[in-house]
């Protein structure tokens, strides 16, 4: 039986490209536009 290897990745905006920079939670989610993709807030 073949085993599928799968992973989930969560991306988050940061304040700079430094590896130790703080997260920027002020960015609006992508689904607030007209297409609603992804369809729900996450």
N, C-alpha and C. Protein backbone atom coordinates (compact mmCIF):
# COMPACT_ATOMS: atom_id res chain seq x y z
N UNK A 1 0.85 -1.18 0.00
CA UNK A 1 0.00 0.00 0.00
C UNK A 1 0.89 1.24 0.00
N UNK A 2 0.59 2.19 -0.88
CA UNK A 2 1.36 3.42 -0.97
C UNK A 2 0.94 4.39 0.12
N UNK A 3 1.93 4.96 0.80
CA UNK A 3 1.65 5.93 1.86
C UNK A 3 1.85 7.33 1.29
N UNK A 4 0.83 8.17 1.40
CA UNK A 4 0.92 9.56 0.93
C UNK A 4 1.52 10.42 2.04
N UNK A 5 2.57 11.12 1.71
CA UNK A 5 3.17 12.06 2.65
C UNK A 5 2.61 13.44 2.36
N UNK A 6 1.94 14.02 3.33
CA UNK A 6 1.30 15.32 3.16
C UNK A 6 1.73 16.24 4.30
N UNK A 7 1.68 17.54 4.03
CA UNK A 7 2.04 18.53 5.04
C UNK A 7 1.13 19.74 4.90
N UNK A 8 0.95 20.46 5.98
CA UNK A 8 0.21 21.70 5.99
C UNK A 8 1.19 22.81 6.33
N UNK A 9 1.15 23.90 5.56
CA UNK A 9 2.06 25.02 5.78
C UNK A 9 1.24 26.26 6.04
N UNK A 10 1.55 26.99 7.10
CA UNK A 10 0.90 28.25 7.42
C UNK A 10 1.90 29.37 7.19
N UNK A 11 1.51 30.35 6.38
CA UNK A 11 2.36 31.49 6.11
C UNK A 11 1.83 32.70 6.87
N UNK A 12 2.73 33.53 7.35
CA UNK A 12 2.34 34.72 8.09
C UNK A 12 3.24 35.87 7.67
N UNK A 13 2.66 37.04 7.48
CA UNK A 13 3.45 38.22 7.13
C UNK A 13 4.31 38.64 8.31
N UNK A 14 5.52 39.11 8.01
CA UNK A 14 6.43 39.61 9.04
C UNK A 14 6.78 41.05 8.74
N UNK A 15 7.39 41.72 9.71
CA UNK A 15 7.71 43.12 9.55
C UNK A 15 8.95 43.36 8.69
N UNK A 16 9.80 42.36 8.51
CA UNK A 16 10.98 42.48 7.65
C UNK A 16 11.40 41.09 7.21
N UNK A 17 12.47 41.01 6.43
CA UNK A 17 12.95 39.71 5.98
C UNK A 17 13.99 39.12 6.91
N UNK A 18 14.22 39.74 8.05
CA UNK A 18 15.12 39.21 9.07
C UNK A 18 14.50 37.94 9.67
N UNK A 19 15.30 36.96 9.94
CA UNK A 19 14.80 35.70 10.48
C UNK A 19 14.17 35.81 11.85
N UNK A 20 14.47 36.87 12.58
CA UNK A 20 13.93 37.06 13.94
C UNK A 20 12.93 38.20 14.02
N UNK A 21 12.35 38.61 12.89
CA UNK A 21 11.43 39.74 12.91
C UNK A 21 10.07 39.34 13.49
N UNK A 22 9.35 40.34 13.96
CA UNK A 22 8.03 40.10 14.57
C UNK A 22 6.99 39.84 13.49
N UNK A 23 5.93 39.12 13.85
CA UNK A 23 4.82 38.87 12.94
C UNK A 23 3.99 40.14 12.76
N UNK A 24 3.42 40.31 11.59
CA UNK A 24 2.56 41.45 11.29
C UNK A 24 1.14 40.95 11.15
N UNK A 25 0.37 41.03 12.23
CA UNK A 25 -1.01 40.54 12.22
C UNK A 25 -2.00 41.59 11.69
N UNK A 26 -1.53 42.76 11.27
CA UNK A 26 -2.40 43.81 10.77
C UNK A 26 -2.77 43.64 9.31
N UNK A 27 -2.21 42.65 8.63
CA UNK A 27 -2.51 42.42 7.22
C UNK A 27 -3.88 41.74 7.11
N UNK A 28 -4.72 42.27 6.22
CA UNK A 28 -6.04 41.67 6.02
C UNK A 28 -5.92 40.32 5.32
N UNK A 29 -6.78 39.36 5.67
CA UNK A 29 -6.75 38.06 5.00
C UNK A 29 -7.11 38.20 3.52
N UNK A 30 -6.60 37.29 2.73
CA UNK A 30 -6.80 37.31 1.29
C UNK A 30 -8.26 37.15 0.90
N UNK A 31 -9.06 36.49 1.72
CA UNK A 31 -10.44 36.19 1.34
C UNK A 31 -11.41 37.35 1.60
N UNK A 32 -10.92 38.55 1.88
CA UNK A 32 -11.82 39.69 2.03
C UNK A 32 -12.13 40.34 0.68
N UNK A 33 -11.53 39.86 -0.38
CA UNK A 33 -11.79 40.40 -1.72
C UNK A 33 -13.08 39.86 -2.30
N UNK A 34 -13.27 40.05 -3.60
CA UNK A 34 -14.51 39.65 -4.25
C UNK A 34 -14.64 38.17 -4.49
N UNK A 35 -13.53 37.44 -4.66
CA UNK A 35 -13.62 36.03 -5.01
C UNK A 35 -13.84 35.10 -3.84
N UNK A 36 -13.60 35.57 -2.63
CA UNK A 36 -13.74 34.78 -1.41
C UNK A 36 -13.01 33.44 -1.50
N UNK A 37 -11.75 33.47 -1.87
CA UNK A 37 -10.93 32.26 -1.86
C UNK A 37 -9.74 32.48 -0.98
N UNK A 38 -9.47 31.75 0.04
CA UNK A 38 -10.28 30.62 0.51
C UNK A 38 -11.63 31.10 1.03
N UNK A 39 -12.62 30.22 1.05
CA UNK A 39 -13.99 30.67 1.32
C UNK A 39 -14.28 31.08 2.76
N UNK A 40 -13.43 30.71 3.72
CA UNK A 40 -13.70 31.05 5.12
C UNK A 40 -12.48 31.71 5.74
N UNK A 41 -12.71 32.51 6.80
CA UNK A 41 -11.58 33.06 7.55
C UNK A 41 -10.79 31.92 8.17
N UNK A 42 -9.52 32.05 8.20
CA UNK A 42 -8.67 31.02 8.78
C UNK A 42 -7.70 31.59 9.75
